[in-house]
Amino acid sequence: MGKLDGKVAVVTGGSRGQGASHVRELVEEGAKVVFSDVLVNEGEALAEELGENVRFIKHDVTNAQEWENVIAETESTFGPVNILVNNAGIVITKNIADLSEEEYRKVIDVNQVSVFLGMKTALSSMKKTGNGSIINISSIDGLRGAPGNSAYDSSKFAVRGITKTAALEFAEYGIRVNSIHPGVIETPMIQVEGTQDQVEKLKAGIPLKRTAQPKEVSKLVVFLASDDSSYCTGSEFVIDGGVTASN
């Protein structure tokens, strides 16, 4: 018996990195999962690997109509949505003086607007279950500022805020809403060429002296998706190796 037997989940940004890890862990715990991404090749390969309890959909998370299509296809394939993991995200690292309006808006649309659209669109489906959980992936940079991350930080602070508002609005339907705030996670986002020195410096500032594996975050996703967290809503769950403990 898995913790999520009989539950239906939607995960955005699920083709690789943290998202793919979340998909794997949700399936392992018994959920049926529809995951979406713009990375089609990786998404189709993951869906083929994981089998009949998984569907992949190409999806621009900034597009309201595409959100409607994802929720409708999820219902027709597996049934009403119990779990929504708003995981899709991008980062553009530039100082404010060098960041264009177009770049700023792109990050806001992908990281922030998508969360609004996802919750708004999934709500009617989740109401049918009477036992829903929305998990919004923010960041420790949704709790503090970081030079060069104005767009990313703005979006992740906003995710933190809308999570609390949604938790209050959705409580009457039995839907819980929480945010996760990861620190430095070993994903493709930090594994690009030329960043290793920077990553090593980051590790030196982490009290546990290491980065986290995606599965460590996924275990927290499962907890929040499951009935184990039945009294948790409107809360921030920090998973950062102690980075923000002194803030």
Protein backbone atom coordinates (compact mmCIF):
# COMPACT_ATOMS: atom_id res chain seq x y z
CA MET A 1 0.00 0.00 0.00
CA GLY A 2 1.31 3.41 -0.97
CA LYS A 3 0.57 6.67 0.80
CA LEU A 4 -1.11 8.01 -2.34
CA ASP A 5 -3.10 5.00 -3.53
CA GLY A 6 -6.19 6.11 -5.44
CA LYS A 7 -5.04 9.72 -5.81
CA VAL A 8 -4.55 11.64 -9.06
CA ALA A 9 -1.74 14.18 -9.39
CA VAL A 10 -0.73 16.89 -11.85
CA VAL A 11 2.91 18.00 -11.87
CA THR A 12 4.30 20.85 -13.97
CA GLY A 13 7.90 20.99 -15.15
CA GLY A 14 8.07 17.23 -14.72
CA SER A 15 10.39 16.15 -17.52
CA ARG A 16 13.68 16.43 -15.64
CA GLY A 17 15.35 17.59 -12.44
CA GLN A 18 13.20 18.06 -9.36
CA GLY A 19 10.00 17.68 -11.38
CA ALA A 20 10.95 14.26 -12.72
CA SER A 21 11.91 13.19 -9.21
CA HIS A 22 8.51 14.31 -7.91
CA VAL A 23 6.76 12.34 -10.64
CA ARG A 24 8.73 9.18 -9.81
CA GLU A 25 8.08 9.45 -6.09
CA LEU A 26 4.35 10.14 -6.50
CA VAL A 27 3.99 7.11 -8.76
CA GLU A 28 5.99 4.97 -6.36
CA GLU A 29 3.55 5.89 -3.59
CA GLY A 30 0.57 4.81 -5.70
CA ALA A 31 -0.63 7.98 -7.41
CA LYS A 32 -1.67 8.24 -11.04
CA VAL A 33 0.24 11.20 -12.47
CA VAL A 34 -0.18 13.56 -15.40
CA PHE A 35 2.94 15.67 -15.79
CA SER A 36 3.63 18.48 -18.19
CA ASP A 37 6.58 20.34 -19.63
CA VAL A 38 7.88 22.04 -22.76
CA LEU A 39 10.72 19.47 -22.85
CA VAL A 40 8.96 16.91 -25.01
CA ASN A 41 11.66 14.32 -25.66
CA GLU A 42 12.57 14.00 -21.98
CA GLY A 43 8.89 13.95 -20.98
CA GLU A 44 7.91 11.23 -23.41
CA ALA A 45 10.90 9.11 -22.37
CA LEU A 46 9.99 9.41 -18.68
CA ALA A 47 6.34 8.56 -19.33
CA GLU A 48 7.34 5.48 -21.32
CA GLU A 49 9.67 4.39 -18.55
CA LEU A 50 7.10 4.76 -15.76
CA GLY A 51 4.24 3.04 -17.56
CA GLU A 52 0.46 3.05 -17.54
CA ASN A 53 -0.07 5.18 -14.42
CA VAL A 54 1.63 8.18 -16.03
CA ARG A 55 0.73 10.54 -18.88
CA PHE A 56 2.88 13.31 -20.36
CA ILE A 57 1.42 16.45 -21.93
CA LYS A 58 3.32 19.22 -23.69
CA HIS A 59 2.28 22.34 -21.84
CA ASP A 60 3.13 26.02 -21.71
CA VAL A 61 2.30 26.82 -18.09
CA THR A 62 1.76 30.50 -18.91
CA ASN A 63 -1.15 29.67 -21.24
CA ALA A 64 -4.61 29.52 -19.64
CA GLN A 65 -6.17 27.43 -22.42
CA GLU A 66 -3.41 24.86 -22.19
CA TRP A 67 -4.09 24.61 -18.46
CA GLU A 68 -7.73 23.86 -19.26
CA ASN A 69 -6.59 21.12 -21.63
CA VAL A 70 -4.28 19.55 -19.01
CA ILE A 71 -6.98 19.38 -16.33
CA ALA A 72 -9.59 18.07 -18.80
CA GLU A 73 -7.25 15.36 -20.07
CA THR A 74 -6.32 14.39 -16.53
CA GLU A 75 -9.98 13.95 -15.61
CA SER A 76 -10.77 11.95 -18.74
CA THR A 77 -7.75 9.69 -18.23
CA PHE A 78 -7.56 9.15 -14.46
CA GLY A 79 -10.36 11.14 -12.80
CA PRO A 80 -10.61 14.34 -10.73
CA VAL A 81 -7.40 15.92 -9.48
CA ASN A 82 -6.40 15.34 -5.84
CA ILE A 83 -2.86 16.74 -6.00
CA LEU A 84 -1.36 19.68 -7.89
CA VAL A 85 2.39 20.29 -7.78
CA ASN A 86 3.28 23.66 -9.32
CA ASN A 87 6.93 22.93 -9.99
CA ALA A 88 7.74 24.59 -13.32
CA GLY A 89 10.30 27.38 -13.04
CA ILE A 90 13.14 29.24 -14.71
CA VAL A 91 15.87 31.61 -13.57
CA ILE A 92 17.63 34.50 -15.31
CA THR A 93 20.54 35.76 -13.23
CA LYS A 94 21.28 39.43 -13.89
CA ASN A 95 21.50 42.57 -11.80
CA ILE A 96 18.48 44.86 -12.01
CA ALA A 97 20.42 47.40 -14.06
CA ASP A 98 21.16 44.77 -16.71
CA LEU A 99 17.84 42.88 -16.70
CA SER A 100 15.42 43.74 -19.50
CA GLU A 101 11.71 44.15 -18.96
CA GLU A 102 11.12 41.24 -21.31
CA GLU A 103 13.40 38.98 -19.27
CA TYR A 104 11.79 40.05 -16.01
CA ARG A 105 8.29 39.39 -17.30
CA LYS A 106 9.31 35.99 -18.69
CA VAL A 107 10.45 34.80 -15.27
CA ILE A 108 7.33 36.22 -13.60
CA ASP A 109 5.05 34.53 -16.13
CA VAL A 110 6.66 31.09 -15.79
CA ASN A 111 7.29 31.09 -12.05
CA GLN A 112 4.40 33.16 -10.71
CA VAL A 113 1.54 33.50 -13.18
CA SER A 114 1.62 29.75 -13.87
CA VAL A 115 0.92 29.04 -10.19
CA PHE A 116 -2.12 31.32 -10.26
CA LEU A 117 -3.39 29.71 -13.47
CA GLY A 118 -2.79 26.20 -12.18
CA MET A 119 -4.64 26.72 -8.91
CA LYS A 120 -7.49 28.59 -10.59
CA THR A 121 -7.96 25.94 -13.28
CA ALA A 122 -7.58 22.88 -11.06
CA LEU A 123 -9.95 24.17 -8.37
CA SER A 124 -13.19 22.93 -9.93
CA SER A 125 -11.70 19.45 -10.41
CA MET A 126 -10.26 19.32 -6.91
CA LYS A 127 -13.59 20.36 -5.37
CA LYS A 128 -15.00 17.04 -6.56
CA THR A 129 -12.58 15.10 -4.36
CA GLY A 130 -13.15 16.98 -1.10
CA ASN A 131 -9.59 16.12 -0.13
CA GLY A 132 -7.10 18.04 -2.24
CA SER A 133 -3.51 19.18 -1.77
CA ILE A 134 -1.74 21.91 -3.72
CA ILE A 135 2.02 22.11 -3.37
CA ASN A 136 3.70 25.22 -4.75
CA ILE A 137 7.45 24.99 -5.21
CA SER A 138 8.99 28.29 -4.12
CA SER A 139 12.61 28.66 -2.97
CA ILE A 140 14.66 29.92 -0.06
CA ASP A 141 14.90 32.97 -2.32
CA GLY A 142 11.20 33.40 -1.60
CA LEU A 143 12.28 34.08 1.98
CA ARG A 144 15.31 36.31 1.42
CA GLY A 145 16.95 38.42 -1.26
CA ALA A 146 19.92 37.44 -3.41
CA PRO A 147 21.99 39.74 -5.66
CA GLY A 148 21.34 39.12 -9.35
CA ASN A 149 18.06 37.34 -8.71
CA SER A 150 15.51 40.16 -8.75
CA ALA A 151 13.09 38.45 -11.14
CA TYR A 152 13.45 35.01 -9.59
CA ASP A 153 13.17 36.31 -6.03
CA SER A 154 10.15 38.44 -6.90
CA SER A 155 8.39 35.43 -8.39
CA LYS A 156 9.22 33.12 -5.49
CA PHE A 157 8.10 35.65 -2.85
CA ALA A 158 4.84 35.91 -4.80
CA VAL A 159 4.40 32.13 -4.77
CA ARG A 160 4.78 32.22 -1.00
CA GLY A 161 2.11 34.92 -0.74
CA ILE A 162 -0.48 33.43 -3.06
CA THR A 163 -0.06 30.10 -1.29
CA LYS A 164 -1.29 31.64 1.95
CA THR A 165 -4.22 33.38 0.27
CA ALA A 166 -5.26 30.22 -1.57
CA ALA A 167 -5.01 28.21 1.66
CA LEU A 168 -7.59 30.52 3.23
CA GLU A 169 -9.86 30.57 0.19
CA PHE A 170 -9.75 26.82 -0.53
CA ALA A 171 -10.03 25.50 3.04
CA GLU A 172 -13.82 25.29 2.87
CA TYR A 173 -13.47 22.74 0.05
CA GLY A 174 -11.09 20.50 1.99
CA ILE A 175 -8.16 21.62 -0.17
CA ARG A 176 -4.85 22.31 1.54
CA VAL A 177 -2.23 24.63 0.01
CA ASN A 178 1.42 24.77 1.10
CA SER A 179 4.73 25.98 -0.28
CA ILE A 180 8.11 24.25 -0.34
CA HIS A 181 11.29 26.33 -0.17
CA PRO A 182 14.30 24.32 -1.37
CA GLY A 183 17.88 25.45 -1.03
CA VAL A 184 20.60 24.21 -3.40
CA ILE A 185 19.44 21.01 -5.11
CA GLU A 186 21.49 18.85 -7.50
CA THR A 187 19.53 19.49 -10.70
CA PRO A 188 20.43 20.51 -14.28
CA MET A 189 19.81 24.13 -13.22
CA ILE A 190 23.07 24.12 -11.21
CA GLN A 191 24.98 21.54 -13.24
CA VAL A 192 25.74 23.70 -16.25
CA GLU A 193 29.30 24.12 -17.46
CA GLY A 194 31.34 26.74 -15.64
CA THR A 195 29.28 26.84 -12.44
CA GLN A 196 31.14 24.24 -10.36
CA ASP A 197 33.28 26.76 -8.51
CA GLN A 198 30.20 28.76 -7.59
CA VAL A 199 28.41 25.61 -6.42
CA GLU A 200 31.37 24.66 -4.21
CA LYS A 201 31.26 28.11 -2.62
CA LEU A 202 27.56 27.64 -1.98
CA LYS A 203 28.21 24.29 -0.30
CA ALA A 204 30.71 25.93 2.04
CA GLY A 205 27.95 28.20 3.32
CA ILE A 206 25.48 25.37 3.99
CA PRO A 207 25.56 24.15 7.61
CA LEU A 208 25.17 20.53 6.46
CA LYS A 209 28.04 21.13 3.98
CA ARG A 210 26.29 19.53 1.00
CA THR A 211 23.63 20.12 -1.59
CA ALA A 212 20.43 18.09 -1.56
CA GLN A 213 19.36 15.34 -3.92
CA PRO A 214 16.03 15.91 -5.72
CA LYS A 215 14.53 12.86 -4.01
CA GLU A 216 14.91 14.58 -0.63
CA VAL A 217 12.56 17.32 -1.81
CA SER A 218 10.26 14.73 -3.40
CA LYS A 219 9.84 12.99 -0.05
CA LEU A 220 8.52 16.29 1.32
CA VAL A 221 6.19 16.60 -1.69
CA VAL A 222 4.78 13.16 -0.90
CA PHE A 223 4.26 14.11 2.74
CA LEU A 224 2.29 17.22 1.77
CA ALA A 225 0.35 15.33 -0.91
CA SER A 226 -0.64 12.58 1.52
CA ASP A 227 -3.04 12.45 4.45
CA ASP A 228 0.00 12.46 6.76
CA SER A 229 -0.11 16.26 6.47
CA SER A 230 -3.88 16.54 6.88
CA TYR A 231 -3.67 19.54 9.26
CA CYS A 232 -1.01 21.46 7.32
CA THR A 233 -2.15 24.35 5.17
CA GLY A 234 -0.89 27.85 4.42
CA SER A 235 2.57 26.87 5.63
CA GLU A 236 6.14 27.21 4.38
CA PHE A 237 8.26 24.06 4.40
CA VAL A 238 11.97 24.91 4.20
CA ILE A 239 14.43 22.26 3.00
CA ASP A 240 17.82 23.95 2.76
CA GLY A 241 20.38 22.18 4.95
CA GLY A 242 20.14 24.97 7.51
CA VAL A 243 20.97 27.94 5.23
CA THR A 244 18.15 30.15 6.48
CA ALA A 245 18.37 29.05 10.13
CA SER A 246 20.28 32.20 11.08
CA ASN A 247 18.13 34.62 9.11
